[in-house]
């Protein structure tokens, strides 16, 4: 029996994972990427293996994150040695994965954009199509749900800055905003280059804002942090933080951002992209039929459930309460103080189960 012919749309983490896994399982795989693989990267480039099943990135790693800075009103140091978190150069990493895919037999076609009209022909020419093309997915354009990503997405703005980031060393910095508005980040790739950005989680017009307001907020943050240097690149976009109910459209499977698999808590999605891409290839190789979304939810739903509960808690926290909780997360109890801990005790007791699952997931990958 001939191998199933599979078309993968998108040469990002989800698409490369699907193509590489598919080739290893004996599928006949073609991958189409609109740009050159490893270019046009829009990402803070933190690689967080939330389930601790992926391991250290095989290429592009800049450093293992052993400590982070968490700030609301005050700055706290968070021990990250037990957290599977690395800073990477995503372009270098994706080029490595593409090379591995080619060696495994994948035909990689770059600088080729797949349109909604093309998709119909691909559905006829291939047994399966894996849509890993990000947002909006070409499937959403063809099947009429493009607006989903905007309704259920966070939005980001980021500058890649060349300056002096030696003070941070190998630390990532997170600056949290109250009421689940979002957060700022400073992720250094080395002492001279850092990704500096902001993510807004609330619907358009609320909180940090979208569009021009978001960029203005980022400019103010850069000034407040005293960050000086040359802006090398600016980019932003929508990050889908709610998985779609339906991930199968005839012979199309949605994975990664196209499936809405980014974290609702922090917006990261590299690990979910890799996992869902691999699952799609395995699902096809196993000859499965029906609803692919069940495969995704069986593995990722426990994590998403905890994250959504934490988002609900965050939505109710003012700046002082959020600062106290940041201190408790960092284990800096003396700075929170006895009264601060006493004020937060009822909240912690009400959400004890969620907090316990969060710590288990964060440090052991067991959600």
Protein backbone atom coordinates (compact mmCIF):
# COMPACT_ATOMS: atom_id res chain seq x y z
CA UNK A 1 0.00 0.00 0.00
CA UNK A 2 1.53 3.40 -0.97
CA UNK A 3 2.38 5.87 1.78
CA UNK A 4 -0.16 8.58 2.50
CA UNK A 5 0.68 11.80 0.67
CA UNK A 6 0.73 14.71 3.09
CA UNK A 7 0.98 18.43 2.39
CA UNK A 8 2.19 20.62 5.26
CA UNK A 9 1.44 24.35 5.02
CA UNK A 10 3.91 26.44 7.00
CA UNK A 11 7.57 26.08 7.91
CA UNK A 12 7.31 27.20 11.53
CA UNK A 13 7.60 24.93 14.58
CA UNK A 14 4.27 23.12 14.05
CA UNK A 15 4.82 22.53 10.34
CA UNK A 16 8.41 21.39 10.71
CA UNK A 17 7.49 19.06 13.57
CA UNK A 18 4.65 17.55 11.53
CA UNK A 19 6.82 17.11 8.44
CA UNK A 20 9.76 15.60 10.30
CA UNK A 21 7.60 13.23 12.34
CA UNK A 22 5.60 12.26 9.26
CA UNK A 23 8.71 11.40 7.26
CA UNK A 24 10.05 9.31 10.13
CA UNK A 25 6.76 7.41 10.18
CA UNK A 26 6.92 6.67 6.46
CA UNK A 27 4.56 9.34 5.13
CA UNK A 28 5.24 11.05 1.80
CA UNK A 29 5.53 14.70 2.86
CA UNK A 30 5.75 18.01 1.01
CA UNK A 31 6.13 21.23 3.02
CA UNK A 32 5.34 24.70 1.66
CA UNK A 33 6.61 27.86 3.37
CA UNK A 34 5.64 31.37 2.25
CA UNK A 35 9.09 32.84 3.08
CA UNK A 36 12.50 31.29 3.57
CA UNK A 37 12.53 29.05 6.62
CA UNK A 38 13.96 30.87 9.62
CA UNK A 39 13.13 34.33 8.30
CA UNK A 40 10.39 36.78 9.35
CA UNK A 41 10.43 35.45 12.91
CA UNK A 42 7.83 37.09 15.16
CA UNK A 43 8.53 35.67 18.57
CA UNK A 44 10.05 36.54 21.95
CA UNK A 45 12.12 33.34 21.47
CA UNK A 46 11.69 31.83 24.90
CA UNK A 47 11.38 28.05 24.56
CA UNK A 48 9.29 26.69 27.44
CA UNK A 49 8.75 22.93 27.47
CA UNK A 50 5.63 23.05 29.64
CA UNK A 51 5.00 19.29 29.64
CA UNK A 52 8.71 18.44 29.86
CA UNK A 53 8.51 15.98 26.97
CA UNK A 54 10.47 17.84 24.27
CA UNK A 55 13.87 18.29 25.88
CA UNK A 56 16.58 20.84 25.23
CA UNK A 57 16.42 22.49 21.80
CA UNK A 58 18.88 20.72 19.47
CA UNK A 59 20.08 23.94 17.84
CA UNK A 60 19.92 27.71 18.27
CA UNK A 61 20.09 27.59 22.07
CA UNK A 62 21.49 30.74 23.63
CA UNK A 63 21.22 29.78 27.30
CA UNK A 64 19.27 27.81 29.88
CA UNK A 65 17.22 30.20 31.99
CA UNK A 66 18.05 29.53 35.64
CA UNK A 67 16.61 32.75 37.03
CA UNK A 68 13.99 35.27 35.94
CA UNK A 69 13.01 38.72 37.15
CA UNK A 70 9.33 39.16 37.99
CA UNK A 71 8.12 42.71 38.51
CA UNK A 72 4.86 44.46 39.36
CA UNK A 73 5.73 47.27 41.77
CA UNK A 74 8.94 45.67 43.01
CA UNK A 75 11.40 43.32 41.33
CA UNK A 76 11.67 39.74 42.52
CA UNK A 77 14.10 36.99 41.52
CA UNK A 78 12.49 33.67 40.59
CA UNK A 79 14.50 30.44 40.68
CA UNK A 80 13.96 28.75 37.30
CA UNK A 81 16.44 25.89 37.61
CA UNK A 82 13.63 23.30 37.72
CA UNK A 83 11.72 24.93 34.86
CA UNK A 84 12.39 23.65 31.33
CA UNK A 85 13.01 27.11 29.88
CA UNK A 86 15.62 28.18 27.35
CA UNK A 87 16.36 31.28 25.31
CA UNK A 88 16.87 30.41 21.64
CA UNK A 89 17.55 31.91 18.26
CA UNK A 90 14.41 30.65 16.60
CA UNK A 91 15.59 31.25 13.05
CA UNK A 92 18.69 29.13 13.58
CA UNK A 93 16.63 26.44 15.31
CA UNK A 94 14.03 26.29 12.53
CA UNK A 95 16.71 26.06 9.85
CA UNK A 96 18.17 23.10 11.73
CA UNK A 97 14.77 21.38 11.84
CA UNK A 98 14.30 22.02 8.12
CA UNK A 99 17.67 20.39 7.45
CA UNK A 100 16.64 17.37 9.50
CA UNK A 101 13.35 17.18 7.61
CA UNK A 102 15.11 17.25 4.25
CA UNK A 103 17.45 14.47 5.36
CA UNK A 104 14.39 12.44 6.38
CA UNK A 105 12.94 12.81 2.87
CA UNK A 106 10.63 15.83 3.16
CA UNK A 107 10.40 17.98 0.05
CA UNK A 108 10.68 21.55 1.37
CA UNK A 109 9.41 24.28 -0.96
CA UNK A 110 10.20 27.83 0.19
CA UNK A 111 8.94 31.23 -0.98
CA UNK A 112 5.59 29.70 -1.92
CA UNK A 113 2.39 31.17 -0.52
CA UNK A 114 -0.65 28.89 -0.34
CA UNK A 115 -3.96 30.68 -0.96
CA UNK A 116 -7.53 29.61 -0.21
CA UNK A 117 -7.93 28.72 -3.89
CA UNK A 118 -4.75 26.64 -3.78
CA UNK A 119 -6.07 24.81 -0.73
CA UNK A 120 -8.97 23.29 -2.65
CA UNK A 121 -6.55 21.83 -5.19
CA UNK A 122 -4.24 20.56 -2.47
CA UNK A 123 -7.14 18.73 -0.83
CA UNK A 124 -7.64 16.87 -4.09
CA UNK A 125 -3.95 16.17 -4.72
CA UNK A 126 -2.99 14.96 -1.24
CA UNK A 127 -4.49 12.43 1.14
CA UNK A 128 -4.04 14.89 4.01
CA UNK A 129 -3.25 18.57 4.47
CA UNK A 130 -1.76 19.79 7.75
CA UNK A 131 -2.37 23.52 8.14
CA UNK A 132 0.43 24.94 10.27
CA UNK A 133 0.41 28.32 8.58
CA UNK A 134 -0.27 30.45 11.65
CA UNK A 135 -2.96 33.13 11.79
CA UNK A 136 -5.09 33.65 9.95
CA UNK A 137 -4.85 30.09 8.69
CA UNK A 138 -5.59 29.49 5.03
CA UNK A 139 -8.23 27.00 6.21
CA UNK A 140 -9.98 29.76 8.17
CA UNK A 141 -10.10 31.92 5.05
CA UNK A 142 -11.53 29.11 2.94
CA UNK A 143 -14.06 27.92 5.54
CA UNK A 144 -15.11 31.31 6.90
CA UNK A 145 -13.79 31.50 10.47
CA UNK A 146 -10.92 33.96 10.03
CA UNK A 147 -12.33 36.34 12.67
CA UNK A 148 -12.05 33.65 15.36
CA UNK A 149 -8.38 34.42 15.96
CA UNK A 150 -9.04 38.10 16.59
CA UNK A 151 -11.99 37.42 18.91
CA UNK A 152 -10.05 34.90 20.99
CA UNK A 153 -6.53 36.19 20.66
CA UNK A 154 -3.95 38.23 22.49
CA UNK A 155 -2.01 40.84 20.57
CA UNK A 156 1.68 41.67 20.79
CA UNK A 157 4.13 44.40 19.86
CA UNK A 158 7.87 43.80 20.01
CA UNK A 159 11.12 45.57 19.23
CA UNK A 160 14.42 43.79 18.69
CA UNK A 161 16.90 46.20 20.25
CA UNK A 162 20.68 46.42 20.08
CA UNK A 163 21.99 47.98 23.27
CA UNK A 164 23.55 47.12 26.61
CA UNK A 165 21.68 44.25 28.26
CA UNK A 166 24.64 42.87 30.21
CA UNK A 167 22.93 43.65 33.53
CA UNK A 168 20.32 40.99 32.86
CA UNK A 169 22.90 38.31 32.15
CA UNK A 170 21.09 35.05 31.43
CA UNK A 171 17.82 36.20 32.99
CA UNK A 172 14.45 36.90 31.41
CA UNK A 173 12.42 39.81 32.75
CA UNK A 174 8.63 39.86 33.05
CA UNK A 175 6.68 42.96 34.11
CA UNK A 176 3.09 42.01 34.95
CA UNK A 177 0.06 44.27 34.60
CA UNK A 178 -3.02 44.02 36.88
CA UNK A 179 -6.43 42.67 35.94
CA UNK A 180 -5.05 40.29 33.27
CA UNK A 181 -4.20 43.25 31.04
CA UNK A 182 -1.02 41.52 29.93
CA UNK A 183 2.69 41.91 30.56
CA UNK A 184 5.92 43.38 29.23
CA UNK A 185 9.05 41.35 28.64
CA UNK A 186 12.77 41.85 28.14
CA UNK A 187 14.35 38.67 26.77
CA UNK A 188 18.09 39.07 26.09
CA UNK A 189 19.68 36.82 23.47
CA UNK A 190 23.12 38.00 24.57
CA UNK A 191 24.60 41.07 26.24
CA UNK A 192 23.83 43.29 23.25
CA UNK A 193 20.57 42.08 21.68
CA UNK A 194 17.17 41.65 23.36
CA UNK A 195 13.55 41.15 22.41
CA UNK A 196 11.51 43.80 24.23
CA UNK A 197 7.76 43.57 23.93
CA UNK A 198 4.27 43.76 25.34
CA UNK A 199 1.31 41.41 25.16
CA UNK A 200 -2.31 42.47 25.67
CA UNK A 201 -4.75 39.74 26.70
CA UNK A 202 -8.00 41.68 27.03
CA UNK A 203 -10.46 42.26 24.16
CA UNK A 204 -9.70 45.08 21.76
CA UNK A 205 -9.94 48.50 23.37
CA UNK A 206 -9.55 47.28 26.96
CA UNK A 207 -6.48 47.44 29.16
CA UNK A 208 -3.21 47.99 27.33
CA UNK A 209 -5.04 48.47 24.06
CA UNK A 210 -4.39 47.35 20.51
CA UNK A 211 -2.85 48.94 17.44
CA UNK A 212 -1.22 52.34 17.88
CA UNK A 213 -2.04 52.41 21.62
CA UNK A 214 -0.11 49.19 22.15
CA UNK A 215 2.99 50.53 20.42
CA UNK A 216 2.77 53.74 22.44
CA UNK A 217 2.56 51.70 25.64
CA UNK A 218 5.65 49.75 24.59
CA UNK A 219 7.53 52.99 23.84
CA UNK A 220 6.73 54.26 27.35
CA UNK A 221 7.88 50.99 28.90
CA UNK A 222 11.19 51.14 27.03
CA UNK A 223 11.71 54.69 28.31
CA UNK A 224 10.72 53.79 31.89
CA UNK A 225 13.12 50.84 31.92
CA UNK A 226 15.93 53.09 30.70
CA UNK A 227 16.55 50.88 27.68
CA UNK A 228 18.68 52.69 25.12
CA UNK A 229 19.91 51.44 21.79
CA UNK A 230 19.08 50.87 18.17
CA UNK A 231 15.81 49.25 17.15
CA UNK A 232 16.73 46.58 14.61
CA UNK A 233 13.22 45.30 13.90
CA UNK A 234 9.63 45.93 14.97
CA UNK A 235 6.84 43.41 14.65
CA UNK A 236 3.67 42.24 16.29
CA UNK A 237 0.50 40.34 15.69
CA UNK A 238 -2.28 38.18 17.05
CA UNK A 239 -1.62 35.15 19.23
CA UNK A 240 -4.60 32.76 19.42
CA UNK A 241 -5.07 31.71 23.06
CA UNK A 242 -8.19 29.57 22.80
CA UNK A 243 -8.14 26.28 20.92
CA UNK A 244 -10.75 25.90 18.19
CA UNK A 245 -13.57 23.44 18.83
CA UNK A 246 -13.09 21.88 15.40
CA UNK A 247 -9.63 21.02 14.10
CA UNK A 248 -10.58 18.80 11.16
CA UNK A 249 -12.04 20.09 7.89
CA UNK A 250 -12.50 17.16 5.53
CA UNK A 251 -8.87 16.05 5.03
CA UNK A 252 -7.32 19.12 6.70
CA UNK A 253 -5.87 19.07 10.22
CA UNK A 254 -5.14 22.33 12.06
CA UNK A 255 -2.09 22.52 14.34
CA UNK A 256 -0.10 25.11 16.28
CA UNK A 257 -1.30 28.71 16.16
CA UNK A 258 -3.68 27.81 13.34
CA UNK A 259 -5.45 25.58 15.88
CA UNK A 260 -5.42 28.27 18.60
CA UNK A 261 -2.98 26.40 20.84
CA UNK A 262 -0.96 29.21 22.45
CA UNK A 263 -1.00 29.55 26.23
CA UNK A 264 -3.82 31.73 27.63
CA UNK A 265 -1.54 32.55 30.58
CA UNK A 266 1.58 33.84 28.84
CA UNK A 267 0.94 33.56 25.09
CA UNK A 268 3.85 31.21 24.43
CA UNK A 269 3.19 28.49 21.92
CA UNK A 270 6.39 26.88 20.63
CA UNK A 271 5.95 23.73 22.70
CA UNK A 272 2.26 23.33 21.79
CA UNK A 273 3.16 23.85 18.14
CA UNK A 274 5.73 21.06 18.23
CA UNK A 275 3.42 18.74 20.12
CA UNK A 276 0.37 19.28 17.91
CA UNK A 277 2.43 18.98 14.73
CA UNK A 278 3.81 15.63 15.85
CA UNK A 279 0.39 14.43 16.95
CA UNK A 280 -1.09 15.25 13.54
CA UNK A 281 1.57 13.19 11.77
CA UNK A 282 1.07 10.26 14.15
CA UNK A 283 -2.70 10.47 13.75
CA UNK A 284 -2.39 10.22 9.97
CA UNK A 285 0.22 7.45 10.10
CA UNK A 286 -2.02 5.42 12.43
CA UNK A 287 -4.87 5.60 9.90
CA UNK A 288 -7.18 7.45 12.27
CA UNK A 289 -10.42 9.08 11.17
CA UNK A 290 -12.93 11.41 12.79
CA UNK A 291 -12.23 14.31 15.14
CA UNK A 292 -8.52 15.08 15.51
CA UNK A 293 -9.18 17.63 18.29
CA UNK A 294 -9.60 14.83 20.82
CA UNK A 295 -5.93 13.92 20.40
CA UNK A 296 -4.87 17.47 21.19
CA UNK A 297 -7.15 17.90 24.18
CA UNK A 298 -6.17 14.61 25.80
CA UNK A 299 -2.61 15.83 26.13
CA UNK A 300 -2.91 19.61 26.54
CA UNK A 301 -6.30 20.14 28.21
CA UNK A 302 -5.03 19.67 31.81
CA UNK A 303 -2.46 22.43 31.31
CA UNK A 304 -4.92 24.75 29.59
CA UNK A 305 -7.45 24.17 32.38
CA UNK A 306 -4.97 25.26 35.06
CA UNK A 307 -3.85 28.24 32.99
CA UNK A 308 -7.41 29.42 32.43
CA UNK A 309 -8.10 29.23 36.17
CA UNK A 310 -4.99 31.29 36.84
CA UNK A 311 -6.10 33.84 34.25
CA UNK A 312 -9.43 34.14 36.06
CA UNK A 313 -7.59 34.80 39.33
CA UNK A 314 -5.31 37.32 37.63
CA UNK A 315 -8.33 39.13 36.19
CA UNK A 316 -9.38 40.03 39.75
CA UNK A 317 -6.01 41.28 41.03
CA UNK A 318 -5.14 44.93 41.44
CA UNK A 319 -1.52 46.07 41.33
CA UNK A 320 -0.86 45.60 45.06
CA UNK A 321 -2.37 42.12 45.18
CA UNK A 322 -0.47 41.08 42.06
CA UNK A 323 2.77 42.39 43.54
CA UNK A 324 2.24 40.38 46.72
CA UNK A 325 1.57 37.22 44.73
CA UNK A 326 4.66 37.82 42.59
CA UNK A 327 6.68 37.97 45.80
CA UNK A 328 5.11 34.75 47.05
CA UNK A 329 5.86 33.00 43.74
CA UNK A 330 9.48 34.13 44.06
CA UNK A 331 9.61 32.87 47.64
CA UNK A 332 10.57 36.33 48.94
CA UNK A 333 8.24 36.13 51.92
CA UNK A 334 10.04 38.72 54.03
CA UNK A 335 9.49 41.37 51.36
CA UNK A 336 5.79 40.53 51.12
CA UNK A 337 5.60 40.73 54.89
CA UNK A 338 3.33 39.07 57.41
CA UNK A 339 0.41 41.40 56.72
CA UNK A 340 0.77 40.92 52.98
CA UNK A 341 0.70 37.14 53.35
CA UNK A 342 -2.27 37.39 55.69
CA UNK A 343 -4.17 39.51 53.15
CA UNK A 344 -3.60 36.95 50.40
CA UNK A 345 -4.27 33.86 52.53
CA UNK A 346 -8.03 33.62 51.73
CA UNK A 347 -7.31 33.83 47.99
CA UNK A 348 -4.62 31.16 48.23
CA UNK A 349 -6.81 28.85 50.28
CA UNK A 350 -9.73 29.20 47.84
CA UNK A 351 -7.44 28.31 44.97
CA UNK A 352 -5.15 25.85 46.72
CA UNK A 353 -5.76 23.05 44.21
CA UNK A 354 -5.06 25.28 41.24
CA UNK A 355 -1.89 26.65 42.82
CA UNK A 356 -0.64 23.16 43.62
CA UNK A 357 -1.28 21.98 40.05
CA UNK A 358 0.43 25.08 38.69
CA UNK A 359 3.60 24.48 40.70
CA UNK A 360 3.58 20.81 39.72
CA UNK A 361 3.21 21.71 36.06
CA UNK A 362 5.78 24.48 36.18
CA UNK A 363 8.52 22.41 37.77
CA UNK A 364 7.69 18.84 36.70
CA UNK A 365 5.45 19.18 33.66
CA UNK A 366 2.64 17.37 35.50
CA UNK A 367 -0.51 19.46 35.30
